């Protein structure tokens, strides 16, 4: 009986972790990285989304989120004093 509850608990915590990661990376990091990508590429990237069903192209979302994530990390490190001489 312990094994059943243990597996249910692991699945529940894994689901909460996935939701939090999706909210942080997919939403917050995307909206931090979006204007930076627009500035660096002079408005060419990311392109406006075209809703084509049955085909998913999430590469622009991934790169904007990655740029936003790196920006957040560098900002936190800067304010933590990691770059101070």
PDB file of N, CA and C in Angstrom:
ATOM      1  N   UNK A   1       0.817  -1.187   0.000  1.00  0.00           N
ATOM      2  CA  UNK A   1       0.000   0.000   0.000  1.00  0.00           C
ATOM      3  C   UNK A   1       0.867   1.260   0.000  1.00  0.00           C
ATOM      4  N   UNK A   2       2.022   1.171   0.661  1.00  0.00           N
ATOM      5  CA  UNK A   2       2.923   2.317   0.671  1.00  0.00           C
ATOM      6  C   UNK A   2       3.420   2.645  -0.721  1.00  0.00           C
ATOM      7  N   UNK A   3       3.674   1.615  -1.507  1.00  0.00           N
ATOM      8  CA  UNK A   3       4.182   1.826  -2.867  1.00  0.00           C
ATOM      9  C   UNK A   3       3.182   2.577  -3.730  1.00  0.00           C
ATOM     10  N   UNK A   4       1.909   2.285  -3.536  1.00  0.00           N
ATOM     11  CA  UNK A   4       0.870   2.956  -4.326  1.00  0.00           C
ATOM     12  C   UNK A   4       0.853   4.446  -3.997  1.00  0.00           C
ATOM     13  N   UNK A   5       0.849   4.780  -2.715  1.00  0.00           N
ATOM     14  CA  UNK A   5       0.826   6.180  -2.312  1.00  0.00           C
ATOM     15  C   UNK A   5       2.121   6.889  -2.692  1.00  0.00           C
ATOM     16  N   UNK A   6       3.209   6.173  -2.642  1.00  0.00           N
ATOM     17  CA  UNK A   6       4.495   6.750  -3.036  1.00  0.00           C
ATOM     18  C   UNK A   6       4.499   7.121  -4.515  1.00  0.00           C
ATOM     19  N   UNK A   7       3.991   6.239  -5.349  1.00  0.00           N
ATOM     20  CA  UNK A   7       3.937   6.509  -6.783  1.00  0.00           C
ATOM     21  C   UNK A   7       2.949   7.622  -7.108  1.00  0.00           C
ATOM     22  N   UNK A   8       1.833   7.668  -6.411  1.00  0.00           N
ATOM     23  CA  UNK A   8       0.861   8.745  -6.615  1.00  0.00           C
ATOM     24  C   UNK A   8       1.483  10.084  -6.217  1.00  0.00           C
ATOM     25  N   UNK A   9       2.204  10.102  -5.098  1.00  0.00           N
ATOM     26  CA  UNK A   9       2.868  11.322  -4.653  1.00  0.00           C
ATOM     27  C   UNK A   9       3.934  11.783  -5.632  1.00  0.00           C
ATOM     28  N   UNK A  10       4.712  10.842  -6.162  1.00  0.00           N
ATOM     29  CA  UNK A  10       5.737  11.199  -7.145  1.00  0.00           C
ATOM     30  C   UNK A  10       5.108  11.777  -8.409  1.00  0.00           C
ATOM     31  N   UNK A  11       4.035  11.170  -8.854  1.00  0.00           N
ATOM     32  CA  UNK A  11       3.345  11.673 -10.045  1.00  0.00           C
ATOM     33  C   UNK A  11       2.760  13.053  -9.822  1.00  0.00           C
ATOM     34  N   UNK A  12       2.186  13.273  -8.641  1.00  0.00           N
ATOM     35  CA  UNK A  12       1.615  14.575  -8.310  1.00  0.00           C
ATOM     36  C   UNK A  12       2.695  15.652  -8.271  1.00  0.00           C
ATOM     37  N   UNK A  13       3.811  15.359  -7.617  1.00  0.00           N
ATOM     38  CA  UNK A  13       4.905  16.333  -7.545  1.00  0.00           C
ATOM     39  C   UNK A  13       5.531  16.574  -8.912  1.00  0.00           C
ATOM     40  N   UNK A  14       5.618  15.550  -9.725  1.00  0.00           N
ATOM     41  CA  UNK A  14       6.153  15.697 -11.074  1.00  0.00           C
ATOM     42  C   UNK A  14       5.235  16.596 -11.917  1.00  0.00           C
ATOM     43  N   UNK A  15       3.927  16.441 -11.750  1.00  0.00           N
ATOM     44  CA  UNK A  15       2.972  17.274 -12.483  1.00  0.00           C
ATOM     45  C   UNK A  15       3.059  18.733 -12.048  1.00  0.00           C
ATOM     46  N   UNK A  16       3.189  18.969 -10.753  1.00  0.00           N
ATOM     47  CA  UNK A  16       3.327  20.345 -10.254  1.00  0.00           C
ATOM     48  C   UNK A  16       4.626  20.956 -10.760  1.00  0.00           C
ATOM     49  N   UNK A  17       5.703  20.188 -10.767  1.00  0.00           N
ATOM     50  CA  UNK A  17       6.975  20.680 -11.292  1.00  0.00           C
ATOM     51  C   UNK A  17       6.892  21.027 -12.759  1.00  0.00           C
ATOM     52  N   UNK A  18       6.202  20.199 -13.519  1.00  0.00           N
ATOM     53  CA  UNK A  18       6.031  20.466 -14.952  1.00  0.00           C
ATOM     54  C   UNK A  18       5.226  21.740 -15.172  1.00  0.00           C
ATOM     55  N   UNK A  19       4.166  21.925 -14.413  1.00  0.00           N
ATOM     56  CA  UNK A  19       3.339  23.121 -14.561  1.00  0.00           C
ATOM     57  C   UNK A  19       4.131  24.369 -14.194  1.00  0.00           C
ATOM     58  N   UNK A  20       4.872  24.320 -13.101  1.00  0.00           N
ATOM     59  CA  UNK A  20       5.672  25.481 -12.702  1.00  0.00           C
ATOM     60  C   UNK A  20       6.762  25.788 -13.723  1.00  0.00           C
ATOM     61  N   UNK A  21       7.403  24.753 -14.258  1.00  0.00           N
ATOM     62  CA  UNK A  21       8.429  24.973 -15.277  1.00  0.00           C
ATOM     63  C   UNK A  21       7.817  25.548 -16.547  1.00  0.00           C
ATOM     64  N   UNK A  22       6.655  25.072 -16.911  1.00  0.00           N
ATOM     65  CA  UNK A  22       5.986  25.585 -18.106  1.00  0.00           C
ATOM     66  C   UNK A  22       5.574  27.041 -17.922  1.00  0.00           C
ATOM     67  N   UNK A  23       5.100  27.375 -16.747  1.00  0.00           N
ATOM     68  CA  UNK A  23       4.724  28.767 -16.482  1.00  0.00           C
ATOM     69  C   UNK A  23       5.954  29.654 -16.480  1.00  0.00           C
ATOM     70  N   UNK A  24       7.025  29.222 -15.813  1.00  0.00           N
ATOM     71  CA  UNK A  24       8.222  30.050 -15.738  1.00  0.00           C
ATOM     72  C   UNK A  24       8.913  30.160 -17.088  1.00  0.00           C
ATOM     73  N   UNK A  25       9.221  29.029 -17.697  1.00  0.00           N
ATOM     74  CA  UNK A  25       9.999  29.047 -18.932  1.00  0.00           C
ATOM     75  C   UNK A  25       9.156  29.459 -20.128  1.00  0.00           C
ATOM     76  N   UNK A  26       7.970  28.925 -20.230  1.00  0.00           N
ATOM     77  CA  UNK A  26       7.143  29.180 -21.399  1.00  0.00           C
ATOM     78  C   UNK A  26       6.471  30.532 -21.396  1.00  0.00           C
ATOM     79  N   UNK A  27       6.271  31.113 -20.233  1.00  0.00           N
ATOM     80  CA  UNK A  27       5.566  32.387 -20.165  1.00  0.00           C
ATOM     81  C   UNK A  27       6.482  33.528 -19.750  1.00  0.00           C
ATOM     82  N   UNK A  28       7.049  33.437 -18.571  1.00  0.00           N
ATOM     83  CA  UNK A  28       7.853  34.544 -18.050  1.00  0.00           C
ATOM     84  C   UNK A  28       9.113  34.738 -18.878  1.00  0.00           C
ATOM     85  N   UNK A  29       9.848  33.658 -19.117  1.00  0.00           N
ATOM     86  CA  UNK A  29      11.084  33.790 -19.900  1.00  0.00           C
ATOM     87  C   UNK A  29      10.789  34.218 -21.337  1.00  0.00           C
ATOM     88  N   UNK A  30       9.669  33.762 -21.890  1.00  0.00           N
ATOM     89  CA  UNK A  30       9.317  34.156 -23.255  1.00  0.00           C
ATOM     90  C   UNK A  30       9.084  35.657 -23.338  1.00  0.00           C
ATOM     91  N   UNK A  31       8.321  36.202 -22.401  1.00  0.00           N
ATOM     92  CA  UNK A  31       8.011  37.632 -22.474  1.00  0.00           C
ATOM     93  C   UNK A  31       9.180  38.513 -22.081  1.00  0.00           C
ATOM     94  N   UNK A  32      10.153  37.986 -21.383  1.00  0.00           N
ATOM     95  CA  UNK A  32      11.392  38.736 -21.142  1.00  0.00           C
ATOM     96  C   UNK A  32      12.260  38.690 -22.389  1.00  0.00           C
ATOM     97  N   UNK A  33      12.317  37.556 -23.063  1.00  0.00           N
ATOM     98  CA  UNK A  33      13.180  37.392 -24.226  1.00  0.00           C
ATOM     99  C   UNK A  33      12.615  37.947 -25.518  1.00  0.00           C
ATOM    100  N   UNK A  34      11.302  38.083 -25.601  1.00  0.00           N
ATOM    101  CA  UNK A  34      10.677  38.538 -26.845  1.00  0.00           C
ATOM    102  C   UNK A  34      11.151  39.917 -27.278  1.00  0.00           C
ATOM    103  N   UNK A  35      11.120  40.941 -26.406  1.00  0.00           N
ATOM    104  CA  UNK A  35      11.585  42.257 -26.873  1.00  0.00           C
ATOM    105  C   UNK A  35      13.083  42.280 -27.170  1.00  0.00           C
ATOM    106  N   UNK A  36      13.856  41.464 -26.474  1.00  0.00           N
ATOM    107  CA  UNK A  36      15.298  41.421 -26.736  1.00  0.00           C
ATOM    108  C   UNK A  36      15.556  40.822 -28.117  1.00  0.00           C
ATOM    109  N   UNK A  37      14.836  39.754 -28.452  1.00  0.00           N
ATOM    110  CA  UNK A  37      14.964  39.159 -29.792  1.00  0.00           C
ATOM    111  C   UNK A  37      14.527  40.146 -30.862  1.00  0.00           C
ATOM    112  N   UNK A  38      13.461  40.887 -30.599  1.00  0.00           N
ATOM    113  CA  UNK A  38      12.990  41.886 -31.559  1.00  0.00           C
ATOM    114  C   UNK A  38      14.041  42.976 -31.764  1.00  0.00           C
ATOM    115  N   UNK A  39      14.662  43.438 -30.691  1.00  0.00           N
ATOM    116  CA  UNK A  39      15.678  44.487 -30.804  1.00  0.00           C
ATOM    117  C   UNK A  39      16.924  43.997 -31.532  1.00  0.00           C
ATOM    118  N   UNK A  40      17.393  42.817 -31.182  1.00  0.00           N
ATOM    119  CA  UNK A  40      18.627  42.307 -31.773  1.00  0.00           C
ATOM    120  C   UNK A  40      18.493  41.949 -33.248  1.00  0.00           C
ATOM    121  N   UNK A  41      17.289  41.562 -33.666  1.00  0.00           N
ATOM    122  CA  UNK A  41      17.088  41.177 -35.061  1.00  0.00           C
ATOM    123  C   UNK A  41      16.355  42.250 -35.854  1.00  0.00           C
ATOM    124  N   UNK A  42      16.256  43.442 -35.289  1.00  0.00           N
ATOM    125  CA  UNK A  42      15.603  44.575 -35.950  1.00  0.00           C
ATOM    126  C   UNK A  42      14.170  44.245 -36.351  1.00  0.00           C
ATOM    127  N   UNK A  43      13.453  43.533 -35.509  1.00  0.00           N
ATOM    128  CA  UNK A  43      12.045  43.247 -35.713  1.00  0.00           C
ATOM    129  C   UNK A  43      11.728  42.053 -36.587  1.00  0.00           C
ATOM    130  N   UNK A  44      12.724  41.333 -37.060  1.00  0.00           N
ATOM    131  CA  UNK A  44      12.457  40.205 -37.948  1.00  0.00           C
ATOM    132  C   UNK A  44      12.121  38.918 -37.216  1.00  0.00           C
ATOM    133  N   UNK A  45      12.588  38.779 -35.991  1.00  0.00           N
ATOM    134  CA  UNK A  45      12.390  37.538 -35.251  1.00  0.00           C
ATOM    135  C   UNK A  45      11.824  37.849 -33.886  1.00  0.00           C
ATOM    136  N   UNK A  46      10.873  37.216 -33.379  1.00  0.00           N
ATOM    137  CA  UNK A  46      10.098  36.115 -33.945  1.00  0.00           C
ATOM    138  C   UNK A  46       9.020  36.643 -34.879  1.00  0.00           C
ATOM    139  N   UNK A  47       8.726  35.854 -35.854  1.00  0.00           N
ATOM    140  CA  UNK A  47       7.688  36.212 -36.824  1.00  0.00           C
ATOM    141  C   UNK A  47       6.316  36.061 -36.176  1.00  0.00           C
ATOM    142  N   UNK A  48       5.347  36.770 -36.701  1.00  0.00           N
ATOM    143  CA  UNK A  48       3.981  36.570 -36.169  1.00  0.00           C
ATOM    144  C   UNK A  48       3.550  35.125 -36.337  1.00  0.00           C
ATOM    145  N   UNK A  49       2.851  34.640 -35.351  1.00  0.00           N
ATOM    146  CA  UNK A  49       2.430  33.241 -35.382  1.00  0.00           C
ATOM    147  C   UNK A  49       1.320  33.049 -36.416  1.00  0.00           C
ATOM    148  N   UNK A  50       1.480  32.016 -37.194  1.00  0.00           N
ATOM    149  CA  UNK A  50       0.429  31.593 -38.101  1.00  0.00           C
ATOM    150  C   UNK A  50      -0.104  30.284 -37.544  1.00  0.00           C
ATOM    151  N   UNK A  51      -1.372  30.246 -37.335  1.00  0.00           N
ATOM    152  CA  UNK A  51      -1.973  29.067 -36.732  1.00  0.00           C
ATOM    153  C   UNK A  51      -2.219  28.015 -37.797  1.00  0.00           C
ATOM    154  N   UNK A  52      -1.300  27.092 -37.880  1.00  0.00           N
ATOM    155  CA  UNK A  52      -1.432  25.962 -38.790  1.00  0.00           C
ATOM    156  C   UNK A  52      -1.636  24.740 -37.914  1.00  0.00           C
ATOM    157  N   UNK A  53      -2.798  24.155 -38.020  1.00  0.00           N
ATOM    158  CA  UNK A  53      -3.104  23.009 -37.180  1.00  0.00           C
ATOM    159  C   UNK A  53      -2.421  21.765 -37.724  1.00  0.00           C
ATOM    160  N   UNK A  54      -2.099  20.876 -36.864  1.00  0.00           N
ATOM    161  CA  UNK A  54      -1.424  19.609 -37.129  1.00  0.00           C
ATOM    162  C   UNK A  54       0.056  19.783 -37.423  1.00  0.00           C
ATOM    163  N   UNK A  55       0.544  20.986 -37.430  1.00  0.00           N
ATOM    164  CA  UNK A  55       1.976  21.226 -37.560  1.00  0.00           C
ATOM    165  C   UNK A  55       2.369  22.193 -36.457  1.00  0.00           C
ATOM    166  N   UNK A  56       3.341  21.808 -35.671  1.00  0.00           N
ATOM    167  CA  UNK A  56       3.771  22.677 -34.598  1.00  0.00           C
ATOM    168  C   UNK A  56       5.192  23.152 -34.813  1.00  0.00           C
ATOM    169  N   UNK A  57       5.386  24.444 -34.773  1.00  0.00           N
ATOM    170  CA  UNK A  57       6.726  25.009 -34.881  1.00  0.00           C
ATOM    171  C   UNK A  57       6.963  25.842 -33.637  1.00  0.00           C
ATOM    172  N   UNK A  58       7.611  25.255 -32.659  1.00  0.00           N
ATOM    173  CA  UNK A  58       7.827  25.952 -31.404  1.00  0.00           C
ATOM    174  C   UNK A  58       9.255  26.455 -31.282  1.00  0.00           C
ATOM    175  N   UNK A  59       9.998  26.495 -32.393  1.00  0.00           N
ATOM    176  CA  UNK A  59      11.390  26.917 -32.300  1.00  0.00           C
ATOM    177  C   UNK A  59      11.508  28.388 -31.951  1.00  0.00           C
ATOM    178  N   UNK A  60      10.634  29.232 -32.451  1.00  0.00           N
ATOM    179  CA  UNK A  60      10.727  30.651 -32.108  1.00  0.00           C
ATOM    180  C   UNK A  60      10.407  30.860 -30.633  1.00  0.00           C
ATOM    181  N   UNK A  61       9.433  30.121 -30.117  1.00  0.00           N
ATOM    182  CA  UNK A  61       9.118  30.216 -28.701  1.00  0.00           C
ATOM    183  C   UNK A  61      10.259  29.727 -27.839  1.00  0.00           C
ATOM    184  N   UNK A  62      10.930  28.683 -28.286  1.00  0.00           N
ATOM    185  CA  UNK A  62      12.054  28.153 -27.525  1.00  0.00           C
ATOM    186  C   UNK A  62      13.192  29.163 -27.461  1.00  0.00           C
ATOM    187  N   UNK A  63      13.549  29.766 -28.601  1.00  0.00           N
ATOM    188  CA  UNK A  63      14.679  30.688 -28.608  1.00  0.00           C
ATOM    189  C   UNK A  63      14.380  31.968 -27.849  1.00  0.00           C
ATOM    190  N   UNK A  64      13.171  32.469 -27.946  1.00  0.00           N
ATOM    191  CA  UNK A  64      12.808  33.649 -27.155  1.00  0.00           C
ATOM    192  C   UNK A  64      12.850  33.331 -25.665  1.00  0.00           C
ATOM    193  N   UNK A  65      12.374  32.152 -25.292  1.00  0.00           N
ATOM    194  CA  UNK A  65      12.423  31.742 -23.889  1.00  0.00           C
ATOM    195  C   UNK A  65      13.857  31.554 -23.419  1.00  0.00           C
ATOM    196  N   UNK A  66      14.717  31.003 -24.275  1.00  0.00           N
ATOM    197  CA  UNK A  66      16.123  30.801 -23.902  1.00  0.00           C
ATOM    198  C   UNK A  66      16.828  32.141 -23.695  1.00  0.00           C
ATOM    199  N   UNK A  67      16.570  33.102 -24.567  1.00  0.00           N
ATOM    200  CA  UNK A  67      17.161  34.434 -24.407  1.00  0.00           C
ATOM    201  C   UNK A  67      16.642  35.082 -23.128  1.00  0.00           C
ATOM    202  N   UNK A  68      15.353  34.940 -22.850  1.00  0.00           N
ATOM    203  CA  UNK A  68      14.785  35.482 -21.621  1.00  0.00           C
ATOM    204  C   UNK A  68      15.359  34.824 -20.382  1.00  0.00           C
ATOM    205  N   UNK A  69      15.557  33.503 -20.434  1.00  0.00           N
ATOM    206  CA  UNK A  69      16.129  32.792 -19.297  1.00  0.00           C
ATOM    207  C   UNK A  69      17.552  33.269 -19.016  1.00  0.00           C
ATOM    208  N   UNK A  70      18.352  33.402 -20.074  1.00  0.00           N
ATOM    209  CA  UNK A  70      19.728  33.885 -19.887  1.00  0.00           C
ATOM    210  C   UNK A  70      19.740  35.317 -19.358  1.00  0.00           C
ATOM    211  N   UNK A  71      18.812  36.140 -19.814  1.00  0.00           N
ATOM    212  CA  UNK A  71      18.722  37.513 -19.324  1.00  0.00           C
ATOM    213  C   UNK A  71      18.375  37.542 -17.840  1.00  0.00           C
ATOM    214  N   UNK A  72      17.439  36.706 -17.434  1.00  0.00           N
ATOM    215  CA  UNK A  72      17.063  36.650 -16.021  1.00  0.00           C
ATOM    216  C   UNK A  72      18.234  36.172 -15.172  1.00  0.00           C
ATOM    217  N   UNK A  73      18.949  35.144 -15.634  1.00  0.00           N
ATOM    218  CA  UNK A  73      20.092  34.620 -14.882  1.00  0.00           C
ATOM    219  C   UNK A  73      21.179  35.675 -14.755  1.00  0.00           C
ATOM    220  N   UNK A  74      21.512  36.354 -15.841  1.00  0.00           N
ATOM    221  CA  UNK A  74      22.561  37.384 -15.800  1.00  0.00           C
ATOM    222  C   UNK A  74      22.145  38.545 -14.904  1.00  0.00           C
ATOM    223  N   UNK A  75      20.867  38.930 -14.939  1.00  0.00           N
ATOM    224  CA  UNK A  75      20.386  40.014 -14.085  1.00  0.00           C
ATOM    225  C   UNK A  75      20.466  39.636 -12.608  1.00  0.00           C
ATOM    226  N   UNK A  76      20.066  38.413 -12.280  1.00  0.00           N
ATOM    227  CA  UNK A  76      20.142  37.965 -10.886  1.00  0.00           C
ATOM    228  C   UNK A  76      21.592  37.905 -10.419  1.00  0.00           C
ATOM    229  N   UNK A  77      22.483  37.392 -11.256  1.00  0.00           N
ATOM    230  CA  UNK A  77      23.893  37.335 -10.889  1.00  0.00           C
ATOM    231  C   UNK A  77      24.490  38.731 -10.721  1.00  0.00           C
ATOM    232  N   UNK A  78      24.076  39.661 -11.558  1.00  0.00           N
ATOM    233  CA  UNK A  78      24.581  41.038 -11.459  1.00  0.00           C
ATOM    234  C   UNK A  78      24.167  41.657 -10.129  1.00  0.00           C
ATOM    235  N   UNK A  79      22.890  41.526  -9.770  1.00  0.00           N
ATOM    236  CA  UNK A  79      22.419  42.120  -8.531  1.00  0.00           C
ATOM    237  C   UNK A  79      22.919  41.357  -7.299  1.00  0.00           C
ATOM    238  N   UNK A  80      23.337  40.119  -7.467  1.00  0.00           N
ATOM    239  CA  UNK A  80      23.923  39.359  -6.362  1.00  0.00           C
ATOM    240  C   UNK A  80      25.381  39.710  -6.137  1.00  0.00           C
ATOM    241  N   UNK A  81      25.956  40.482  -7.062  1.00  0.00           N
ATOM    242  CA  UNK A  81      27.338  40.910  -6.918  1.00  0.00           C
ATOM    243  C   UNK A  81      28.351  39.951  -7.496  1.00  0.00           C
ATOM    244  N   UNK A  82      27.932  39.085  -8.393  1.00  0.00           N
ATOM    245  CA  UNK A  82      28.838  38.102  -8.945  1.00  0.00           C
ATOM    246  C   UNK A  82      29.835  38.705  -9.921  1.00  0.00           C
ATOM    247  N   UNK A  83      29.528  39.874 -10.481  1.00  0.00           N
ATOM    248  CA  UNK A  83      30.407  40.502 -11.459  1.00  0.00           C
ATOM    249  C   UNK A  83      31.248  41.620 -10.860  1.00  0.00           C
ATOM    250  N   UNK A  84      31.141  41.820  -9.562  1.00  0.00           N
ATOM    251  CA  UNK A  84      31.901  42.882  -8.904  1.00  0.00           C
ATOM    252  C   UNK A  84      33.368  42.485  -8.785  1.00  0.00           C
ATOM    253  N   UNK A  85      34.223  43.441  -8.943  1.00  0.00           N
ATOM    254  CA  UNK A  85      35.676  43.169  -8.865  1.00  0.00           C
ATOM    255  C   UNK A  85      36.165  43.193  -7.451  1.00  0.00           C
TER     256      UNK A  85
END
